[in-house]
């Protein structure tokens, strides 16, 4: 794949991330040892900055994993009485997330919904100031269609991994067969959110690529 950011620069930026509690460092170690995909701390810090800037209170996350990003989101929203609703399909990871949320003392700030987001999202009744999508990349287009009406005007939609380790710029014939459909859908998604009349979108080559979309 294509390198998104110089590894030395990435390592340097990561070294500037704020200190984390021991339990967060343990989550980082667990994720690395068990091949659990979590956002790097510098991306987590960027998300918290976005939440502070937007003054977001009601936050929705698609893809909890072990609640690493969830806890960062809660830290940012909590000073304004904010609340995080997060969805996770994997039972083992959801169980780990529950324990990590408990250890962080954020049970009253986070609601974890266990199940397939495709089944859960259509039944969500709330509107949100901030939505973070970090789930199956091939389903981003579907998530957008469902979530756009639930994003408040002035709210932010942040989509993670939108550069797919550089796969979005690799010629299709060079992609592995199992990648092709997901990459094609991801490219379609990026075209959609960058041309959507109701959004102002910026693609940031940071982490594995972030799309930050402001609802007009």
C-alpha atoms as a PDB file:
ATOM      1  CA  UNK A   1       0.000   0.000   0.000  1.00  0.00           C
ATOM      2  CA  UNK A   2       0.927   3.670  -0.252  1.00  0.00           C
ATOM      3  CA  UNK A   3       2.425   5.359   2.816  1.00  0.00           C
ATOM      4  CA  UNK A   4       0.094   8.117   4.048  1.00  0.00           C
ATOM      5  CA  UNK A   5       2.504   9.833   6.410  1.00  0.00           C
ATOM      6  CA  UNK A   6       6.249   9.616   6.945  1.00  0.00           C
ATOM      7  CA  UNK A   7       6.732   7.023   9.734  1.00  0.00           C
ATOM      8  CA  UNK A   8       9.327   9.182  11.492  1.00  0.00           C
ATOM      9  CA  UNK A   9       6.982  12.156  11.536  1.00  0.00           C
ATOM     10  CA  UNK A  10       4.147   9.930  12.727  1.00  0.00           C
ATOM     11  CA  UNK A  11       6.284   8.587  15.571  1.00  0.00           C
ATOM     12  CA  UNK A  12       7.325  12.110  16.537  1.00  0.00           C
ATOM     13  CA  UNK A  13       3.737  13.393  16.598  1.00  0.00           C
ATOM     14  CA  UNK A  14       2.629  10.361  18.585  1.00  0.00           C
ATOM     15  CA  UNK A  15       5.321  11.112  21.130  1.00  0.00           C
ATOM     16  CA  UNK A  16       3.751  14.528  21.691  1.00  0.00           C
ATOM     17  CA  UNK A  17       0.345  13.079  22.581  1.00  0.00           C
ATOM     18  CA  UNK A  18      -0.728  13.853  26.153  1.00  0.00           C
ATOM     19  CA  UNK A  19       0.014  11.396  28.916  1.00  0.00           C
ATOM     20  CA  UNK A  20      -2.635   8.731  29.358  1.00  0.00           C
ATOM     21  CA  UNK A  21      -3.700   6.877  32.512  1.00  0.00           C
ATOM     22  CA  UNK A  22      -2.173   3.443  33.004  1.00  0.00           C
ATOM     23  CA  UNK A  23      -5.419   1.717  32.050  1.00  0.00           C
ATOM     24  CA  UNK A  24      -5.377   3.500  28.665  1.00  0.00           C
ATOM     25  CA  UNK A  25      -1.780   2.432  28.073  1.00  0.00           C
ATOM     26  CA  UNK A  26      -2.861  -1.103  28.917  1.00  0.00           C
ATOM     27  CA  UNK A  27      -5.671  -0.836  26.347  1.00  0.00           C
ATOM     28  CA  UNK A  28      -3.097   0.248  23.759  1.00  0.00           C
ATOM     29  CA  UNK A  29      -0.937  -2.775  24.586  1.00  0.00           C
ATOM     30  CA  UNK A  30      -3.927  -5.112  24.517  1.00  0.00           C
ATOM     31  CA  UNK A  31      -5.015  -3.799  21.131  1.00  0.00           C
ATOM     32  CA  UNK A  32      -1.566  -4.300  19.652  1.00  0.00           C
ATOM     33  CA  UNK A  33      -1.145  -7.798  21.071  1.00  0.00           C
ATOM     34  CA  UNK A  34      -4.643  -8.943  20.054  1.00  0.00           C
ATOM     35  CA  UNK A  35      -4.856  -7.227  16.654  1.00  0.00           C
ATOM     36  CA  UNK A  36      -7.694  -4.947  17.706  1.00  0.00           C
ATOM     37  CA  UNK A  37      -7.904  -1.847  15.544  1.00  0.00           C
ATOM     38  CA  UNK A  38      -8.025   1.332  17.635  1.00  0.00           C
ATOM     39  CA  UNK A  39      -7.286   4.916  16.714  1.00  0.00           C
ATOM     40  CA  UNK A  40      -3.772   6.131  17.571  1.00  0.00           C
ATOM     41  CA  UNK A  41      -3.532   8.614  20.449  1.00  0.00           C
ATOM     42  CA  UNK A  42      -2.726  11.563  18.186  1.00  0.00           C
ATOM     43  CA  UNK A  43      -5.949  10.963  16.243  1.00  0.00           C
ATOM     44  CA  UNK A  44      -7.843  10.585  19.524  1.00  0.00           C
ATOM     45  CA  UNK A  45      -6.472  13.934  20.648  1.00  0.00           C
ATOM     46  CA  UNK A  46      -7.602  15.505  17.383  1.00  0.00           C
ATOM     47  CA  UNK A  47     -11.127  14.156  17.905  1.00  0.00           C
ATOM     48  CA  UNK A  48     -11.260  15.655  21.389  1.00  0.00           C
ATOM     49  CA  UNK A  49     -10.153  18.994  19.947  1.00  0.00           C
ATOM     50  CA  UNK A  50     -12.984  18.820  17.392  1.00  0.00           C
ATOM     51  CA  UNK A  51     -15.499  18.093  20.139  1.00  0.00           C
ATOM     52  CA  UNK A  52     -14.271  21.014  22.222  1.00  0.00           C
ATOM     53  CA  UNK A  53     -14.336  23.367  19.214  1.00  0.00           C
ATOM     54  CA  UNK A  54     -17.831  22.280  18.193  1.00  0.00           C
ATOM     55  CA  UNK A  55     -19.094  22.252  21.804  1.00  0.00           C
ATOM     56  CA  UNK A  56     -20.646  18.855  21.083  1.00  0.00           C
ATOM     57  CA  UNK A  57     -22.762  17.238  23.773  1.00  0.00           C
ATOM     58  CA  UNK A  58     -24.608  14.353  22.127  1.00  0.00           C
ATOM     59  CA  UNK A  59     -22.087  12.052  20.453  1.00  0.00           C
ATOM     60  CA  UNK A  60     -22.674   8.860  18.458  1.00  0.00           C
ATOM     61  CA  UNK A  61     -19.907   6.366  17.700  1.00  0.00           C
ATOM     62  CA  UNK A  62     -20.264   3.500  15.225  1.00  0.00           C
ATOM     63  CA  UNK A  63     -17.664   0.896  16.174  1.00  0.00           C
ATOM     64  CA  UNK A  64     -16.722   0.765  19.857  1.00  0.00           C
ATOM     65  CA  UNK A  65     -14.119  -2.011  19.712  1.00  0.00           C
ATOM     66  CA  UNK A  66     -12.674  -2.016  23.268  1.00  0.00           C
ATOM     67  CA  UNK A  67     -13.867   1.577  23.976  1.00  0.00           C
ATOM     68  CA  UNK A  68     -10.500   3.269  23.531  1.00  0.00           C
ATOM     69  CA  UNK A  69     -11.842   6.028  21.283  1.00  0.00           C
ATOM     70  CA  UNK A  70     -15.102   6.016  23.243  1.00  0.00           C
ATOM     71  CA  UNK A  71     -13.321   7.042  26.418  1.00  0.00           C
ATOM     72  CA  UNK A  72     -11.490   9.872  24.647  1.00  0.00           C
ATOM     73  CA  UNK A  73     -14.804  11.107  23.234  1.00  0.00           C
ATOM     74  CA  UNK A  74     -16.401  10.970  26.683  1.00  0.00           C
ATOM     75  CA  UNK A  75     -13.537  12.905  28.264  1.00  0.00           C
ATOM     76  CA  UNK A  76     -14.092  15.675  25.717  1.00  0.00           C
ATOM     77  CA  UNK A  77     -17.888  15.841  25.947  1.00  0.00           C
ATOM     78  CA  UNK A  78     -18.259  15.333  29.699  1.00  0.00           C
ATOM     79  CA  UNK A  79     -17.409  18.908  30.811  1.00  0.00           C
ATOM     80  CA  UNK A  80     -20.565  20.112  29.003  1.00  0.00           C
ATOM     81  CA  UNK A  81     -22.718  17.326  30.408  1.00  0.00           C
ATOM     82  CA  UNK A  82     -22.291  15.365  27.190  1.00  0.00           C
ATOM     83  CA  UNK A  83     -23.127  11.743  26.548  1.00  0.00           C
ATOM     84  CA  UNK A  84     -21.709   9.101  24.203  1.00  0.00           C
ATOM     85  CA  UNK A  85     -23.836   6.448  22.512  1.00  0.00           C
ATOM     86  CA  UNK A  86     -21.643   3.758  20.974  1.00  0.00           C
ATOM     87  CA  UNK A  87     -22.382   0.564  19.037  1.00  0.00           C
ATOM     88  CA  UNK A  88     -20.354  -2.661  18.896  1.00  0.00           C
ATOM     89  CA  UNK A  89     -21.189  -5.911  17.108  1.00  0.00           C
ATOM     90  CA  UNK A  90     -18.437  -8.153  18.511  1.00  0.00           C
ATOM     91  CA  UNK A  91     -19.501  -9.682  21.832  1.00  0.00           C
ATOM     92  CA  UNK A  92     -15.975 -10.238  23.127  1.00  0.00           C
ATOM     93  CA  UNK A  93     -14.919  -6.692  22.352  1.00  0.00           C
ATOM     94  CA  UNK A  94     -18.136  -5.309  23.779  1.00  0.00           C
ATOM     95  CA  UNK A  95     -17.446  -7.175  27.036  1.00  0.00           C
ATOM     96  CA  UNK A  96     -13.940  -5.691  27.141  1.00  0.00           C
ATOM     97  CA  UNK A  97     -15.416  -2.255  26.405  1.00  0.00           C
ATOM     98  CA  UNK A  98     -17.810  -2.522  29.345  1.00  0.00           C
ATOM     99  CA  UNK A  99     -14.918  -3.293  31.696  1.00  0.00           C
ATOM    100  CA  UNK A 100     -12.760  -0.496  30.288  1.00  0.00           C
ATOM    101  CA  UNK A 101     -15.586   2.026  30.601  1.00  0.00           C
ATOM    102  CA  UNK A 102     -16.101   0.918  34.196  1.00  0.00           C
ATOM    103  CA  UNK A 103     -12.397   1.290  34.941  1.00  0.00           C
ATOM    104  CA  UNK A 104     -12.478   4.804  33.490  1.00  0.00           C
ATOM    105  CA  UNK A 105     -15.427   5.664  35.749  1.00  0.00           C
ATOM    106  CA  UNK A 106     -17.561   6.726  32.797  1.00  0.00           C
ATOM    107  CA  UNK A 107     -20.546   4.366  33.068  1.00  0.00           C
ATOM    108  CA  UNK A 108     -22.950   7.297  33.448  1.00  0.00           C
ATOM    109  CA  UNK A 109     -21.471   9.109  30.414  1.00  0.00           C
ATOM    110  CA  UNK A 110     -21.509   6.229  27.924  1.00  0.00           C
ATOM    111  CA  UNK A 111     -24.304   4.011  26.622  1.00  0.00           C
ATOM    112  CA  UNK A 112     -23.017   0.901  24.856  1.00  0.00           C
ATOM    113  CA  UNK A 113     -25.452  -0.726  22.441  1.00  0.00           C
ATOM    114  CA  UNK A 114     -24.480  -4.304  21.585  1.00  0.00           C
ATOM    115  CA  UNK A 115     -25.395  -5.589  18.143  1.00  0.00           C
ATOM    116  CA  UNK A 116     -25.098  -4.896  14.440  1.00  0.00           C
ATOM    117  CA  UNK A 117     -25.140  -1.167  13.710  1.00  0.00           C
ATOM    118  CA  UNK A 118     -27.149  -1.876  10.557  1.00  0.00           C
ATOM    119  CA  UNK A 119     -29.940  -3.159  12.798  1.00  0.00           C
ATOM    120  CA  UNK A 120     -29.575  -0.536  15.533  1.00  0.00           C
ATOM    121  CA  UNK A 121     -29.062   2.735  13.650  1.00  0.00           C
ATOM    122  CA  UNK A 122     -32.492   2.843  11.935  1.00  0.00           C
ATOM    123  CA  UNK A 123     -34.139   2.777  15.375  1.00  0.00           C
ATOM    124  CA  UNK A 124     -32.126   5.608  16.920  1.00  0.00           C
ATOM    125  CA  UNK A 125     -34.452   8.468  17.832  1.00  0.00           C
ATOM    126  CA  UNK A 126     -31.941  11.072  18.974  1.00  0.00           C
ATOM    127  CA  UNK A 127     -30.125  13.739  16.989  1.00  0.00           C
ATOM    128  CA  UNK A 128     -26.402  14.180  17.455  1.00  0.00           C
ATOM    129  CA  UNK A 129     -23.864  17.012  17.515  1.00  0.00           C
ATOM    130  CA  UNK A 130     -20.979  14.722  16.598  1.00  0.00           C
ATOM    131  CA  UNK A 131     -20.912  11.350  14.837  1.00  0.00           C
ATOM    132  CA  UNK A 132     -17.778   9.217  14.573  1.00  0.00           C
ATOM    133  CA  UNK A 133     -17.843   6.318  12.100  1.00  0.00           C
ATOM    134  CA  UNK A 134     -15.158   3.678  12.554  1.00  0.00           C
ATOM    135  CA  UNK A 135     -16.785   0.516  11.253  1.00  0.00           C
ATOM    136  CA  UNK A 136     -16.882  -1.625   8.095  1.00  0.00           C
ATOM    137  CA  UNK A 137     -15.580   0.660   5.350  1.00  0.00           C
ATOM    138  CA  UNK A 138     -17.779  -0.890   2.675  1.00  0.00           C
ATOM    139  CA  UNK A 139     -20.862   0.216   4.630  1.00  0.00           C
ATOM    140  CA  UNK A 140     -19.940   3.888   5.049  1.00  0.00           C
ATOM    141  CA  UNK A 141     -22.332   4.948   2.290  1.00  0.00           C
ATOM    142  CA  UNK A 142     -25.225   3.155   3.979  1.00  0.00           C
ATOM    143  CA  UNK A 143     -24.329   4.655   7.351  1.00  0.00           C
ATOM    144  CA  UNK A 144     -24.262   8.127   5.827  1.00  0.00           C
ATOM    145  CA  UNK A 145     -27.747   7.801   4.350  1.00  0.00           C
ATOM    146  CA  UNK A 146     -29.094   6.729   7.739  1.00  0.00           C
ATOM    147  CA  UNK A 147     -27.103   9.145   9.892  1.00  0.00           C
ATOM    148  CA  UNK A 148     -27.214  12.376   7.899  1.00  0.00           C
ATOM    149  CA  UNK A 149     -30.814  13.124   8.998  1.00  0.00           C
ATOM    150  CA  UNK A 150     -29.752  12.474  12.605  1.00  0.00           C
ATOM    151  CA  UNK A 151     -26.845  14.937  12.489  1.00  0.00           C
ATOM    152  CA  UNK A 152     -27.814  18.377  13.767  1.00  0.00           C
ATOM    153  CA  UNK A 153     -27.126  21.444  11.599  1.00  0.00           C
ATOM    154  CA  UNK A 154     -23.653  22.618  12.516  1.00  0.00           C
ATOM    155  CA  UNK A 155     -22.779  19.106  13.655  1.00  0.00           C
ATOM    156  CA  UNK A 156     -19.689  17.156  12.648  1.00  0.00           C
ATOM    157  CA  UNK A 157     -19.477  13.777  10.951  1.00  0.00           C
ATOM    158  CA  UNK A 158     -16.003  12.236  11.231  1.00  0.00           C
ATOM    159  CA  UNK A 159     -15.207   9.123   9.192  1.00  0.00           C
ATOM    160  CA  UNK A 160     -12.092   7.118  10.037  1.00  0.00           C
ATOM    161  CA  UNK A 161      -9.814   5.017   7.807  1.00  0.00           C
ATOM    162  CA  UNK A 162     -11.036   6.697   4.628  1.00  0.00           C
ATOM    163  CA  UNK A 163      -7.682   6.280   2.865  1.00  0.00           C
ATOM    164  CA  UNK A 164      -7.609   2.533   3.603  1.00  0.00           C
ATOM    165  CA  UNK A 165      -3.828   2.387   4.076  1.00  0.00           C
ATOM    166  CA  UNK A 166      -3.469   4.141   0.738  1.00  0.00           C
ATOM    167  CA  UNK A 167      -5.591   1.599  -1.153  1.00  0.00           C
ATOM    168  CA  UNK A 168      -7.897   4.341  -2.458  1.00  0.00           C
ATOM    169  CA  UNK A 169      -5.158   5.530  -4.839  1.00  0.00           C
ATOM    170  CA  UNK A 170      -3.942   2.090  -5.930  1.00  0.00           C
ATOM    171  CA  UNK A 171      -5.053   1.038  -9.447  1.00  0.00           C
ATOM    172  CA  UNK A 172      -7.872  -1.486  -9.193  1.00  0.00           C
ATOM    173  CA  UNK A 173      -5.937  -4.195 -11.008  1.00  0.00           C
ATOM    174  CA  UNK A 174      -3.266  -4.057  -8.296  1.00  0.00           C
ATOM    175  CA  UNK A 175      -5.725  -4.528  -5.423  1.00  0.00           C
ATOM    176  CA  UNK A 176      -6.320  -7.918  -3.883  1.00  0.00           C
ATOM    177  CA  UNK A 177      -9.628  -9.417  -4.960  1.00  0.00           C
ATOM    178  CA  UNK A 178     -11.190  -9.141  -1.507  1.00  0.00           C
ATOM    179  CA  UNK A 179     -10.264  -5.449  -1.323  1.00  0.00           C
ATOM    180  CA  UNK A 180     -11.861  -4.310  -4.542  1.00  0.00           C
ATOM    181  CA  UNK A 181     -15.496  -3.974  -3.487  1.00  0.00           C
ATOM    182  CA  UNK A 182     -14.701  -2.227  -0.190  1.00  0.00           C
ATOM    183  CA  UNK A 183     -12.266   0.203  -1.846  1.00  0.00           C
ATOM    184  CA  UNK A 184     -14.719   0.954  -4.641  1.00  0.00           C
ATOM    185  CA  UNK A 185     -17.445   1.716  -2.098  1.00  0.00           C
ATOM    186  CA  UNK A 186     -15.051   3.840  -0.057  1.00  0.00           C
ATOM    187  CA  UNK A 187     -14.124   5.896  -3.118  1.00  0.00           C
ATOM    188  CA  UNK A 188     -17.838   6.360  -3.851  1.00  0.00           C
ATOM    189  CA  UNK A 189     -18.355   7.473  -0.262  1.00  0.00           C
ATOM    190  CA  UNK A 190     -15.582  10.055  -0.463  1.00  0.00           C
ATOM    191  CA  UNK A 191     -16.967  11.447  -3.706  1.00  0.00           C
ATOM    192  CA  UNK A 192     -20.404  11.651  -2.114  1.00  0.00           C
ATOM    193  CA  UNK A 193     -19.422  13.506   1.051  1.00  0.00           C
ATOM    194  CA  UNK A 194     -17.066  15.897  -0.738  1.00  0.00           C
ATOM    195  CA  UNK A 195     -19.735  16.883  -3.285  1.00  0.00           C
ATOM    196  CA  UNK A 196     -22.784  16.778  -1.006  1.00  0.00           C
ATOM    197  CA  UNK A 197     -24.533  20.186  -0.994  1.00  0.00           C
ATOM    198  CA  UNK A 198     -25.331  19.916   2.703  1.00  0.00           C
ATOM    199  CA  UNK A 199     -21.759  19.291   3.819  1.00  0.00           C
ATOM    200  CA  UNK A 200     -18.406  21.017   3.988  1.00  0.00           C
ATOM    201  CA  UNK A 201     -15.857  18.188   3.954  1.00  0.00           C
ATOM    202  CA  UNK A 202     -12.089  18.028   4.390  1.00  0.00           C
ATOM    203  CA  UNK A 203     -10.018  14.873   3.916  1.00  0.00           C
ATOM    204  CA  UNK A 204      -7.020  14.781   6.246  1.00  0.00           C
ATOM    205  CA  UNK A 205      -4.057  12.423   5.549  1.00  0.00           C
ATOM    206  CA  UNK A 206      -3.650  11.653   9.234  1.00  0.00           C
ATOM    207  CA  UNK A 207      -3.693   8.265  10.913  1.00  0.00           C
ATOM    208  CA  UNK A 208      -5.333   6.138   8.230  1.00  0.00           C
ATOM    209  CA  UNK A 209      -7.174   9.135   6.817  1.00  0.00           C
ATOM    210  CA  UNK A 210      -9.973  11.144   8.391  1.00  0.00           C
ATOM    211  CA  UNK A 211     -12.889  12.809   6.639  1.00  0.00           C
ATOM    212  CA  UNK A 212     -14.294  15.707   8.662  1.00  0.00           C
ATOM    213  CA  UNK A 213     -17.696  16.868   7.421  1.00  0.00           C
ATOM    214  CA  UNK A 214     -19.612  19.871   8.753  1.00  0.00           C
ATOM    215  CA  UNK A 215     -23.369  19.842   8.216  1.00  0.00           C
ATOM    216  CA  UNK A 216     -24.397  23.236   6.886  1.00  0.00           C
END
